[in-house]
Amino acid sequence: MTRTWPAVLTVLFVGLWLAASYGVRYGLMEDGQWVGLCTQPAAYWQCEVRALLGLGIHYQVLAWGGLALALLGLMVRGRAGAWLAGLALVFAVPALVLYTASIAVFALVMAGLRLVR
């Protein structure tokens, strides 16, 4: 029974991280109230976060970071590779939700394959 706890915790964490990513997408990025509030520069800290996240989405930082970590996790043996694959999931799940699904899918699949290996 103790061998199943890491898998259960990983699935639970990924599910919660997915829900949080959707919360950011629909609560901050696509909500119409922020368009009006963010017209003045540096009015709210949420506007700065939204702008930085928008730049990260445009340059696909999360997706490429997740892909690089997943590839590195596939090459490294042992627990270090598994930790890198878990970190790749942390980058790939929000990238999948936040408009860069084409690259994030590969990172998510490779990280998942590394975790079950």
C-alpha atoms as a PDB file:
ATOM      1  CA  MET A   1       0.000   0.000   0.000  1.00  0.00           C
ATOM      2  CA  THR A   2       2.884   2.397   0.609  1.00  0.00           C
ATOM      3  CA  ARG A   3       4.015   2.081  -3.020  1.00  0.00           C
ATOM      4  CA  THR A   4       0.731   3.581  -4.216  1.00  0.00           C
ATOM      5  CA  TRP A   5       0.946   6.758  -2.112  1.00  0.00           C
ATOM      6  CA  PRO A   6       3.424   8.584  -4.363  1.00  0.00           C
ATOM      7  CA  ALA A   7       1.255   7.848  -7.400  1.00  0.00           C
ATOM      8  CA  VAL A   8      -1.906   8.972  -5.618  1.00  0.00           C
ATOM      9  CA  LEU A   9      -0.239  12.156  -4.393  1.00  0.00           C
ATOM     10  CA  THR A  10       1.116  12.894  -7.866  1.00  0.00           C
ATOM     11  CA  VAL A  11      -2.311  12.486  -9.485  1.00  0.00           C
ATOM     12  CA  LEU A  12      -3.897  14.615  -6.768  1.00  0.00           C
ATOM     13  CA  PHE A  13      -1.264  17.330  -7.172  1.00  0.00           C
ATOM     14  CA  VAL A  14      -1.612  17.378 -10.970  1.00  0.00           C
ATOM     15  CA  GLY A  15      -5.391  17.647 -10.646  1.00  0.00           C
ATOM     16  CA  LEU A  16      -5.162  20.551  -8.217  1.00  0.00           C
ATOM     17  CA  TRP A  17      -2.501  22.230 -10.355  1.00  0.00           C
ATOM     18  CA  LEU A  18      -4.771  21.844 -13.399  1.00  0.00           C
ATOM     19  CA  ALA A  19      -7.665  23.450 -11.513  1.00  0.00           C
ATOM     20  CA  ALA A  20      -5.427  26.326 -10.384  1.00  0.00           C
ATOM     21  CA  SER A  21      -4.218  26.831 -13.953  1.00  0.00           C
ATOM     22  CA  TYR A  22      -7.787  27.061 -15.215  1.00  0.00           C
ATOM     23  CA  GLY A  23      -8.510  29.523 -12.418  1.00  0.00           C
ATOM     24  CA  VAL A  24      -5.667  31.740 -13.627  1.00  0.00           C
ATOM     25  CA  ARG A  25      -6.807  31.431 -17.224  1.00  0.00           C
ATOM     26  CA  TYR A  26     -10.465  32.314 -16.671  1.00  0.00           C
ATOM     27  CA  GLY A  27     -10.061  34.508 -13.595  1.00  0.00           C
ATOM     28  CA  LEU A  28      -7.117  36.644 -14.684  1.00  0.00           C
ATOM     29  CA  MET A  29      -6.353  36.258 -18.372  1.00  0.00           C
ATOM     30  CA  GLU A  30      -9.828  36.097 -19.943  1.00  0.00           C
ATOM     31  CA  ASP A  31     -11.903  38.066 -17.453  1.00  0.00           C
ATOM     32  CA  GLY A  32     -13.186  41.280 -18.999  1.00  0.00           C
ATOM     33  CA  GLN A  33     -12.847  43.354 -15.827  1.00  0.00           C
ATOM     34  CA  TRP A  34      -9.041  43.308 -16.071  1.00  0.00           C
ATOM     35  CA  VAL A  35      -9.069  44.893 -19.523  1.00  0.00           C
ATOM     36  CA  GLY A  36     -10.556  48.081 -18.105  1.00  0.00           C
ATOM     37  CA  LEU A  37      -8.603  48.020 -14.859  1.00  0.00           C
ATOM     38  CA  CYS A  38      -5.236  47.473 -16.530  1.00  0.00           C
ATOM     39  CA  THR A  39      -5.370  50.499 -18.831  1.00  0.00           C
ATOM     40  CA  GLN A  40      -3.363  52.554 -16.336  1.00  0.00           C
ATOM     41  CA  PRO A  41       0.205  51.317 -15.924  1.00  0.00           C
ATOM     42  CA  ALA A  42       1.030  49.775 -12.542  1.00  0.00           C
ATOM     43  CA  ALA A  43      -2.457  50.393 -11.158  1.00  0.00           C
ATOM     44  CA  TYR A  44      -2.761  46.909  -9.681  1.00  0.00           C
ATOM     45  CA  TRP A  45      -0.208  44.177  -9.048  1.00  0.00           C
ATOM     46  CA  GLN A  46      -2.531  41.764 -10.829  1.00  0.00           C
ATOM     47  CA  CYS A  47      -2.042  43.799 -14.009  1.00  0.00           C
ATOM     48  CA  GLU A  48       1.719  43.311 -13.764  1.00  0.00           C
ATOM     49  CA  VAL A  49       1.274  39.575 -13.247  1.00  0.00           C
ATOM     50  CA  ARG A  50      -1.131  39.469 -16.187  1.00  0.00           C
ATOM     51  CA  ALA A  51       1.314  41.330 -18.426  1.00  0.00           C
ATOM     52  CA  LEU A  52       4.264  39.106 -17.459  1.00  0.00           C
ATOM     53  CA  LEU A  53       2.165  35.985 -17.915  1.00  0.00           C
ATOM     54  CA  GLY A  54       1.074  37.278 -21.309  1.00  0.00           C
ATOM     55  CA  LEU A  55       4.698  37.704 -22.348  1.00  0.00           C
ATOM     56  CA  GLY A  56       5.491  34.227 -21.081  1.00  0.00           C
ATOM     57  CA  ILE A  57       2.609  32.829 -23.108  1.00  0.00           C
ATOM     58  CA  HIS A  58       3.715  34.729 -26.203  1.00  0.00           C
ATOM     59  CA  TYR A  59       7.279  33.429 -25.990  1.00  0.00           C
ATOM     60  CA  GLN A  60       6.085  29.952 -24.857  1.00  0.00           C
ATOM     61  CA  VAL A  61       8.358  29.949 -21.815  1.00  0.00           C
ATOM     62  CA  LEU A  62       6.351  27.413 -19.809  1.00  0.00           C
ATOM     63  CA  ALA A  63       6.002  24.991 -22.701  1.00  0.00           C
ATOM     64  CA  TRP A  64       9.670  25.031 -23.710  1.00  0.00           C
ATOM     65  CA  GLY A  65      10.760  24.838 -20.064  1.00  0.00           C
ATOM     66  CA  GLY A  66       8.532  21.819 -19.522  1.00  0.00           C
ATOM     67  CA  LEU A  67       9.816  20.162 -22.682  1.00  0.00           C
ATOM     68  CA  ALA A  68      13.448  20.749 -21.713  1.00  0.00           C
ATOM     69  CA  LEU A  69      12.874  19.369 -18.207  1.00  0.00           C
ATOM     70  CA  ALA A  70      11.010  16.343 -19.585  1.00  0.00           C
ATOM     71  CA  LEU A  71      13.837  15.574 -22.007  1.00  0.00           C
ATOM     72  CA  LEU A  72      16.378  15.979 -19.246  1.00  0.00           C
ATOM     73  CA  GLY A  73      14.280  13.754 -17.001  1.00  0.00           C
ATOM     74  CA  LEU A  74      14.309  11.045 -19.672  1.00  0.00           C
ATOM     75  CA  MET A  75      18.092  11.147 -19.877  1.00  0.00           C
ATOM     76  CA  VAL A  76      18.872  11.196 -16.138  1.00  0.00           C
ATOM     77  CA  ARG A  77      18.590   7.902 -14.281  1.00  0.00           C
ATOM     78  CA  GLY A  78      17.139   7.217 -10.873  1.00  0.00           C
ATOM     79  CA  ARG A  79      15.223   9.519  -8.586  1.00  0.00           C
ATOM     80  CA  ALA A  80      16.762  12.653 -10.062  1.00  0.00           C
ATOM     81  CA  GLY A  81      15.158  11.870 -13.420  1.00  0.00           C
ATOM     82  CA  ALA A  82      11.815  11.287 -11.751  1.00  0.00           C
ATOM     83  CA  TRP A  83      12.076  14.605  -9.902  1.00  0.00           C
ATOM     84  CA  LEU A  84      12.907  16.376 -13.162  1.00  0.00           C
ATOM     85  CA  ALA A  85       9.889  14.750 -14.800  1.00  0.00           C
ATOM     86  CA  GLY A  86       7.719  15.909 -11.902  1.00  0.00           C
ATOM     87  CA  LEU A  87       9.069  19.421 -12.314  1.00  0.00           C
ATOM     88  CA  ALA A  88       8.324  19.166 -16.029  1.00  0.00           C
ATOM     89  CA  LEU A  89       4.696  18.469 -15.100  1.00  0.00           C
ATOM     90  CA  VAL A  90       4.663  21.661 -13.044  1.00  0.00           C
ATOM     91  CA  PHE A  91       5.590  23.598 -16.188  1.00  0.00           C
ATOM     92  CA  ALA A  92       3.646  21.552 -18.751  1.00  0.00           C
ATOM     93  CA  VAL A  93       0.212  21.573 -17.104  1.00  0.00           C
ATOM     94  CA  PRO A  94      -0.197  25.382 -17.042  1.00  0.00           C
ATOM     95  CA  ALA A  95       1.350  25.604 -20.496  1.00  0.00           C
ATOM     96  CA  LEU A  96      -1.293  23.178 -21.717  1.00  0.00           C
ATOM     97  CA  VAL A  97      -4.051  25.320 -20.251  1.00  0.00           C
ATOM     98  CA  LEU A  98      -2.535  28.692 -21.165  1.00  0.00           C
ATOM     99  CA  TYR A  99      -2.636  28.573 -24.964  1.00  0.00           C
ATOM    100  CA  THR A 100       0.580  26.666 -25.779  1.00  0.00           C
ATOM    101  CA  ALA A 101      -0.841  23.186 -26.064  1.00  0.00           C
ATOM    102  CA  SER A 102       1.104  22.165 -29.165  1.00  0.00           C
ATOM    103  CA  ILE A 103       4.441  21.963 -27.329  1.00  0.00           C
ATOM    104  CA  ALA A 104       3.087  21.269 -23.846  1.00  0.00           C
ATOM    105  CA  VAL A 105       1.447  18.031 -24.974  1.00  0.00           C
ATOM    106  CA  PHE A 106       4.829  16.539 -25.817  1.00  0.00           C
ATOM    107  CA  ALA A 107       6.279  17.685 -22.490  1.00  0.00           C
ATOM    108  CA  LEU A 108       3.313  16.261 -20.597  1.00  0.00           C
ATOM    109  CA  VAL A 109       3.484  12.894 -22.354  1.00  0.00           C
ATOM    110  CA  MET A 110       7.255  12.561 -21.950  1.00  0.00           C
ATOM    111  CA  ALA A 111       7.130  13.537 -18.271  1.00  0.00           C
ATOM    112  CA  GLY A 112       4.284  11.112 -17.670  1.00  0.00           C
ATOM    113  CA  LEU A 113       6.131   8.299 -19.429  1.00  0.00           C
ATOM    114  CA  ARG A 114       9.226   9.001 -17.344  1.00  0.00           C
ATOM    115  CA  LEU A 115       7.214   8.932 -14.132  1.00  0.00           C
ATOM    116  CA  VAL A 116       5.651   5.538 -14.867  1.00  0.00           C
ATOM    117  CA  ARG A 117       8.955   4.009 -15.986  1.00  0.00           C
END
